[in-house]
Amino acid sequence: MKLGGIRTMKKIFSIAATSAVAAVSLGTSAVAQSGSTHGGMTPEQHKQMMAADGSDSEKVTHATGVVKTIDAAKGTITIAHDPIAAKKWPAMTMTFKLDKGVLGNVKAGQRVKFRFEGEGSYTVTKITRI
């Protein structure tokens, strides 16, 4: 094989290796951005889901799920909710804002029914154990 041929192959290998590293980086970044709050969705899937939502900011949505965590200091609750047909959402785990005084005696691990309002940022306005 000629010397020029070896240089060309080394260059091609270098470009392929760089492309592979970039692809892995981008994939890892997308997974990291999706986090656990949207069921492992990519940012694009989340955007599509939100676009399909079509709800008004004042619309009340009812759902059921299991409480994962409650952060009283931040005023948030994380719920692994069942599919929500009204929003065209699959089952996923989401963190919601929590209206003051709504929590009552609900604790992590309990199955609940709840209602929430908002668009993009959602607030639980009522929650009860099932």
N, C-alpha and C. Protein backbone atom coordinates (compact mmCIF):
# COMPACT_ATOMS: atom_id res chain seq x y z
N MET A 1 0.85 -1.17 0.00
CA MET A 1 0.00 0.00 0.00
C MET A 1 0.89 1.23 0.00
N LYS A 2 0.50 2.28 -0.70
CA LYS A 2 1.27 3.51 -0.79
C LYS A 2 1.14 4.29 0.50
N LEU A 3 2.14 5.16 0.76
CA LEU A 3 2.16 6.00 1.95
C LEU A 3 0.93 6.91 1.98
N GLY A 4 0.56 7.48 0.82
CA GLY A 4 -0.62 8.35 0.73
C GLY A 4 -1.88 7.61 1.13
N GLY A 5 -1.97 6.34 0.79
CA GLY A 5 -3.14 5.53 1.13
C GLY A 5 -3.29 5.34 2.63
N ILE A 6 -2.16 5.17 3.31
CA ILE A 6 -2.18 5.00 4.77
C ILE A 6 -2.62 6.30 5.43
N ARG A 7 -2.10 7.43 4.96
CA ARG A 7 -2.48 8.74 5.53
C ARG A 7 -3.99 8.96 5.34
N THR A 8 -4.49 8.64 4.18
CA THR A 8 -5.92 8.82 3.91
C THR A 8 -6.76 7.95 4.84
N MET A 9 -6.33 6.70 5.04
CA MET A 9 -7.07 5.81 5.94
C MET A 9 -7.03 6.31 7.37
N LYS A 10 -5.87 6.84 7.81
CA LYS A 10 -5.76 7.38 9.17
C LYS A 10 -6.70 8.58 9.33
N LYS A 11 -6.76 9.42 8.30
CA LYS A 11 -7.63 10.60 8.35
C LYS A 11 -9.10 10.17 8.43
N ILE A 12 -9.48 9.19 7.61
CA ILE A 12 -10.85 8.69 7.62
C ILE A 12 -11.19 8.10 8.99
N PHE A 13 -10.26 7.32 9.55
CA PHE A 13 -10.48 6.73 10.88
C PHE A 13 -10.64 7.84 11.93
N SER A 14 -9.83 8.86 11.85
CA SER A 14 -9.89 9.97 12.81
C SER A 14 -11.25 10.68 12.74
N ILE A 15 -11.73 10.93 11.52
CA ILE A 15 -13.02 11.59 11.35
C ILE A 15 -14.15 10.70 11.87
N ALA A 16 -14.09 9.40 11.59
CA ALA A 16 -15.11 8.47 12.05
C ALA A 16 -15.13 8.40 13.58
N ALA A 17 -13.96 8.37 14.20
CA ALA A 17 -13.88 8.30 15.66
C ALA A 17 -14.45 9.58 16.28
N THR A 18 -14.12 10.73 15.71
CA THR A 18 -14.63 12.00 16.22
C THR A 18 -16.15 12.05 16.09
N SER A 19 -16.68 11.58 14.97
CA SER A 19 -18.13 11.56 14.76
C SER A 19 -18.82 10.65 15.77
N ALA A 20 -18.23 9.51 16.06
CA ALA A 20 -18.81 8.57 17.03
C ALA A 20 -18.86 9.19 18.42
N VAL A 21 -17.79 9.86 18.82
CA VAL A 21 -17.75 10.51 20.14
C VAL A 21 -18.82 11.60 20.21
N ALA A 22 -18.95 12.39 19.15
CA ALA A 22 -19.96 13.45 19.12
C ALA A 22 -21.36 12.87 19.22
N ALA A 23 -21.62 11.78 18.52
CA ALA A 23 -22.94 11.16 18.55
C ALA A 23 -23.28 10.65 19.95
N VAL A 24 -22.33 10.02 20.61
CA VAL A 24 -22.55 9.53 21.97
C VAL A 24 -22.79 10.70 22.91
N SER A 25 -22.02 11.78 22.76
CA SER A 25 -22.20 12.97 23.60
C SER A 25 -23.59 13.55 23.43
N LEU A 26 -24.03 13.70 22.20
CA LEU A 26 -25.36 14.26 21.96
C LEU A 26 -26.44 13.37 22.54
N GLY A 27 -26.31 12.07 22.38
CA GLY A 27 -27.30 11.15 22.94
C GLY A 27 -27.35 11.22 24.44
N THR A 28 -26.19 11.28 25.08
CA THR A 28 -26.12 11.38 26.53
C THR A 28 -26.73 12.69 27.00
N SER A 29 -26.47 13.77 26.28
CA SER A 29 -27.01 15.07 26.63
C SER A 29 -28.52 15.07 26.58
N ALA A 30 -29.10 14.47 25.55
CA ALA A 30 -30.55 14.42 25.42
C ALA A 30 -31.18 13.63 26.55
N VAL A 31 -30.57 12.53 26.92
CA VAL A 31 -31.08 11.72 28.02
C VAL A 31 -30.98 12.50 29.33
N ALA A 32 -29.86 13.19 29.54
CA ALA A 32 -29.69 13.96 30.77
C ALA A 32 -30.71 15.08 30.85
N GLN A 33 -31.02 15.72 29.73
CA GLN A 33 -31.97 16.81 29.73
C GLN A 33 -33.38 16.31 29.99
N SER A 34 -33.68 15.10 29.53
CA SER A 34 -35.05 14.61 29.70
C SER A 34 -35.33 14.29 31.15
N GLY A 35 -34.30 13.87 31.89
CA GLY A 35 -34.44 13.61 33.31
C GLY A 35 -35.53 12.61 33.62
N SER A 36 -35.83 12.43 34.92
CA SER A 36 -36.83 11.46 35.31
C SER A 36 -38.20 12.09 35.41
N THR A 37 -38.31 13.42 35.30
CA THR A 37 -39.59 14.05 35.51
C THR A 37 -40.54 13.92 34.34
N HIS A 38 -40.10 13.38 33.24
CA HIS A 38 -40.98 13.19 32.11
C HIS A 38 -40.84 11.79 31.55
N GLY A 39 -40.63 10.85 32.40
CA GLY A 39 -40.65 9.45 32.00
C GLY A 39 -39.59 9.08 30.99
N GLY A 40 -38.46 9.76 31.00
CA GLY A 40 -37.39 9.43 30.07
C GLY A 40 -37.63 9.95 28.67
N MET A 41 -38.55 10.90 28.50
CA MET A 41 -38.81 11.46 27.19
C MET A 41 -37.65 12.34 26.75
N THR A 42 -37.44 12.40 25.47
CA THR A 42 -36.46 13.34 24.93
C THR A 42 -37.11 14.72 24.96
N PRO A 43 -36.31 15.79 24.91
CA PRO A 43 -36.91 17.13 24.87
C PRO A 43 -37.88 17.29 23.70
N GLU A 44 -37.60 16.70 22.55
CA GLU A 44 -38.49 16.81 21.40
C GLU A 44 -39.82 16.09 21.67
N GLN A 45 -39.77 14.92 22.29
CA GLN A 45 -41.01 14.21 22.62
C GLN A 45 -41.85 15.02 23.60
N HIS A 46 -41.19 15.65 24.56
CA HIS A 46 -41.90 16.48 25.53
C HIS A 46 -42.56 17.66 24.83
N LYS A 47 -41.83 18.30 23.90
CA LYS A 47 -42.37 19.43 23.16
C LYS A 47 -43.61 19.01 22.36
N GLN A 48 -43.54 17.85 21.72
CA GLN A 48 -44.68 17.35 20.94
C GLN A 48 -45.87 17.04 21.85
N MET A 49 -45.58 16.47 23.00
CA MET A 49 -46.64 16.16 23.94
C MET A 49 -47.33 17.45 24.40
N MET A 50 -46.52 18.47 24.68
CA MET A 50 -47.07 19.73 25.15
C MET A 50 -47.89 20.41 24.05
N ALA A 51 -47.46 20.31 22.80
CA ALA A 51 -48.18 20.90 21.68
C ALA A 51 -49.53 20.21 21.49
N ALA A 52 -49.58 18.91 21.73
CA ALA A 52 -50.82 18.15 21.58
C ALA A 52 -51.79 18.43 22.73
N ASP A 53 -51.27 18.99 23.80
CA ASP A 53 -52.04 19.27 25.00
C ASP A 53 -53.25 20.15 24.69
N GLY A 54 -53.03 21.31 24.10
CA GLY A 54 -54.10 22.20 23.69
C GLY A 54 -54.98 22.71 24.82
N SER A 55 -54.51 22.68 26.06
CA SER A 55 -55.35 23.11 27.17
C SER A 55 -55.19 24.60 27.45
N ASP A 56 -56.24 25.18 28.00
CA ASP A 56 -56.16 26.55 28.48
C ASP A 56 -55.48 26.54 29.83
N SER A 57 -54.86 27.66 30.21
CA SER A 57 -54.15 27.71 31.47
C SER A 57 -55.10 27.54 32.66
N GLU A 58 -56.39 27.83 32.47
CA GLU A 58 -57.34 27.72 33.56
C GLU A 58 -58.03 26.35 33.60
N LYS A 59 -57.80 25.51 32.62
CA LYS A 59 -58.45 24.21 32.56
C LYS A 59 -57.99 23.32 33.70
N VAL A 60 -58.93 22.66 34.31
CA VAL A 60 -58.64 21.73 35.40
C VAL A 60 -58.57 20.32 34.82
N THR A 61 -57.53 19.59 35.21
CA THR A 61 -57.35 18.22 34.74
C THR A 61 -57.34 17.29 35.95
N HIS A 62 -58.03 16.17 35.82
CA HIS A 62 -58.09 15.17 36.89
C HIS A 62 -57.22 13.97 36.51
N ALA A 63 -56.55 13.40 37.51
CA ALA A 63 -55.65 12.27 37.26
C ALA A 63 -55.52 11.41 38.50
N THR A 64 -54.89 10.25 38.33
CA THR A 64 -54.56 9.36 39.43
C THR A 64 -53.10 8.96 39.31
N GLY A 65 -52.51 8.56 40.44
CA GLY A 65 -51.12 8.14 40.41
C GLY A 65 -50.61 7.79 41.79
N VAL A 66 -49.30 7.61 41.88
CA VAL A 66 -48.65 7.28 43.15
C VAL A 66 -47.67 8.39 43.49
N VAL A 67 -47.77 8.89 44.73
CA VAL A 67 -46.86 9.94 45.19
C VAL A 67 -45.47 9.35 45.36
N LYS A 68 -44.49 9.97 44.73
CA LYS A 68 -43.10 9.52 44.84
C LYS A 68 -42.37 10.31 45.91
N THR A 69 -42.41 11.64 45.83
CA THR A 69 -41.76 12.48 46.83
C THR A 69 -42.57 13.74 47.06
N ILE A 70 -42.38 14.32 48.24
CA ILE A 70 -42.99 15.60 48.59
C ILE A 70 -41.87 16.48 49.12
N ASP A 71 -41.73 17.67 48.58
CA ASP A 71 -40.73 18.63 49.05
C ASP A 71 -41.48 19.85 49.58
N ALA A 72 -41.77 19.83 50.88
CA ALA A 72 -42.54 20.90 51.50
C ALA A 72 -41.82 22.24 51.39
N ALA A 73 -40.50 22.22 51.52
CA ALA A 73 -39.73 23.46 51.45
C ALA A 73 -39.86 24.14 50.08
N LYS A 74 -39.89 23.34 49.03
CA LYS A 74 -40.02 23.89 47.67
C LYS A 74 -41.49 24.01 47.24
N GLY A 75 -42.37 23.36 47.98
CA GLY A 75 -43.78 23.38 47.61
C GLY A 75 -44.06 22.56 46.37
N THR A 76 -43.40 21.39 46.27
CA THR A 76 -43.59 20.53 45.10
C THR A 76 -43.93 19.11 45.52
N ILE A 77 -44.55 18.39 44.59
CA ILE A 77 -44.87 16.99 44.78
C ILE A 77 -44.56 16.25 43.48
N THR A 78 -43.94 15.10 43.59
CA THR A 78 -43.63 14.28 42.41
C THR A 78 -44.56 13.09 42.42
N ILE A 79 -45.27 12.92 41.29
CA ILE A 79 -46.27 11.86 41.18
C ILE A 79 -46.01 11.04 39.92
N ALA A 80 -46.03 9.72 40.07
CA ALA A 80 -45.99 8.81 38.92
C ALA A 80 -47.45 8.62 38.52
N HIS A 81 -47.90 9.41 37.54
CA HIS A 81 -49.32 9.37 37.20
C HIS A 81 -49.63 8.37 36.10
N ASP A 82 -50.88 7.93 36.09
CA ASP A 82 -51.40 7.05 35.05
C ASP A 82 -51.56 7.88 33.76
N PRO A 83 -51.82 7.23 32.63
CA PRO A 83 -52.08 8.01 31.41
C PRO A 83 -53.21 9.00 31.64
N ILE A 84 -53.10 10.18 31.03
CA ILE A 84 -54.12 11.22 31.17
C ILE A 84 -54.69 11.50 29.78
N ALA A 85 -55.85 10.89 29.50
CA ALA A 85 -56.46 10.98 28.17
C ALA A 85 -56.78 12.43 27.79
N ALA A 86 -57.24 13.23 28.74
CA ALA A 86 -57.62 14.61 28.45
C ALA A 86 -56.45 15.44 27.92
N LYS A 87 -55.23 15.06 28.31
CA LYS A 87 -54.03 15.77 27.88
C LYS A 87 -53.29 15.01 26.79
N LYS A 88 -53.75 13.79 26.50
CA LYS A 88 -53.05 12.90 25.56
C LYS A 88 -51.64 12.59 26.05
N TRP A 89 -51.50 12.41 27.35
CA TRP A 89 -50.22 12.11 27.99
C TRP A 89 -50.13 10.62 28.31
N PRO A 90 -48.96 10.03 28.12
CA PRO A 90 -48.75 8.66 28.60
C PRO A 90 -48.50 8.69 30.10
N ALA A 91 -48.46 7.53 30.70
CA ALA A 91 -48.09 7.45 32.11
C ALA A 91 -46.64 7.93 32.24
N MET A 92 -46.36 8.72 33.25
CA MET A 92 -45.00 9.21 33.49
C MET A 92 -44.91 9.78 34.90
N THR A 93 -43.70 10.11 35.29
CA THR A 93 -43.45 10.72 36.58
C THR A 93 -43.17 12.20 36.37
N MET A 94 -43.92 13.05 37.08
CA MET A 94 -43.79 14.50 36.94
C MET A 94 -43.75 15.16 38.31
N THR A 95 -43.07 16.30 38.34
CA THR A 95 -43.06 17.12 39.54
C THR A 95 -44.00 18.30 39.31
N PHE A 96 -44.92 18.49 40.24
CA PHE A 96 -45.92 19.54 40.17
C PHE A 96 -45.68 20.55 41.29
N LYS A 97 -46.10 21.79 41.08
CA LYS A 97 -46.18 22.74 42.18
C LYS A 97 -47.37 22.29 43.02
N LEU A 98 -47.39 22.74 44.26
CA LEU A 98 -48.42 22.31 45.19
C LEU A 98 -49.05 23.53 45.84
N ASP A 99 -50.36 23.73 45.66
CA ASP A 99 -51.05 24.82 46.33
C ASP A 99 -50.92 24.64 47.84
N LYS A 100 -50.80 25.75 48.56
CA LYS A 100 -50.69 25.69 50.03
C LYS A 100 -51.95 25.06 50.62
N GLY A 101 -51.74 24.22 51.61
CA GLY A 101 -52.84 23.61 52.34
C GLY A 101 -53.53 22.46 51.62
N VAL A 102 -53.07 22.08 50.46
CA VAL A 102 -53.72 21.03 49.67
C VAL A 102 -53.29 19.64 50.11
N LEU A 103 -52.08 19.52 50.58
CA LEU A 103 -51.48 18.20 50.83
C LEU A 103 -52.23 17.36 51.85
N GLY A 104 -52.69 17.95 52.93
CA GLY A 104 -53.39 17.19 53.96
C GLY A 104 -52.50 16.10 54.53
N ASN A 105 -53.01 14.86 54.62
CA ASN A 105 -52.24 13.75 55.20
C ASN A 105 -51.70 12.81 54.13
N VAL A 106 -51.53 13.28 52.91
CA VAL A 106 -50.98 12.47 51.82
C VAL A 106 -49.48 12.31 52.03
N LYS A 107 -48.98 11.08 51.82
CA LYS A 107 -47.57 10.78 52.02
C LYS A 107 -47.00 10.03 50.81
N ALA A 108 -45.69 10.03 50.71
CA ALA A 108 -45.01 9.30 49.63
C ALA A 108 -45.40 7.83 49.70
N GLY A 109 -45.60 7.22 48.53
CA GLY A 109 -45.96 5.81 48.44
C GLY A 109 -47.45 5.57 48.34
N GLN A 110 -48.26 6.60 48.58
CA GLN A 110 -49.71 6.42 48.55
C GLN A 110 -50.28 6.65 47.15
N ARG A 111 -51.31 5.89 46.82
CA ARG A 111 -52.03 6.09 45.56
C ARG A 111 -53.03 7.21 45.79
N VAL A 112 -53.09 8.14 44.83
CA VAL A 112 -53.93 9.32 45.00
C VAL A 112 -54.70 9.64 43.73
N LYS A 113 -55.78 10.40 43.91
CA LYS A 113 -56.41 11.07 42.78
C LYS A 113 -56.16 12.56 43.04
N PHE A 114 -55.93 13.29 41.95
CA PHE A 114 -55.60 14.70 42.12
C PHE A 114 -56.08 15.50 40.93
N ARG A 115 -56.17 16.79 41.11
CA ARG A 115 -56.47 17.67 39.99
C ARG A 115 -55.38 18.73 39.93
N PHE A 116 -55.11 19.17 38.71
CA PHE A 116 -54.08 20.19 38.53
C PHE A 116 -54.50 21.17 37.45
N GLU A 117 -53.87 22.34 37.48
CA GLU A 117 -54.16 23.41 36.53
C GLU A 117 -52.85 23.94 35.99
N GLY A 118 -52.92 24.58 34.84
CA GLY A 118 -51.76 25.25 34.27
C GLY A 118 -51.41 24.74 32.89
N GLU A 119 -50.36 25.35 32.35
CA GLU A 119 -49.84 24.95 31.05
C GLU A 119 -48.34 25.16 31.09
N GLY A 120 -47.59 24.10 30.86
CA GLY A 120 -46.12 24.18 30.93
C GLY A 120 -45.62 24.00 32.34
N SER A 121 -46.25 24.69 33.28
CA SER A 121 -45.97 24.55 34.71
C SER A 121 -47.32 24.23 35.36
N TYR A 122 -47.38 23.12 36.05
CA TYR A 122 -48.66 22.65 36.57
C TYR A 122 -48.69 22.69 38.09
N THR A 123 -49.86 23.04 38.62
CA THR A 123 -50.05 23.14 40.06
C THR A 123 -51.17 22.21 40.50
N VAL A 124 -50.87 21.36 41.48
CA VAL A 124 -51.90 20.48 42.07
C VAL A 124 -52.75 21.34 42.98
N THR A 125 -54.08 21.35 42.70
CA THR A 125 -54.99 22.16 43.48
C THR A 125 -55.88 21.35 44.41
N LYS A 126 -55.87 20.03 44.24
CA LYS A 126 -56.61 19.13 45.13
C LYS A 126 -55.97 17.75 45.02
N ILE A 127 -55.85 17.07 46.16
CA ILE A 127 -55.29 15.72 46.17
C ILE A 127 -55.90 14.93 47.33
N THR A 128 -56.28 13.68 47.03
CA THR A 128 -56.82 12.81 48.08
C THR A 128 -56.31 11.39 47.87
N ARG A 129 -56.17 10.66 48.98
CA ARG A 129 -55.77 9.26 48.91
C ARG A 129 -56.90 8.44 48.32
N ILE A 130 -56.51 7.39 47.61
CA ILE A 130 -57.53 6.47 47.07
C ILE A 130 -57.61 5.27 47.99
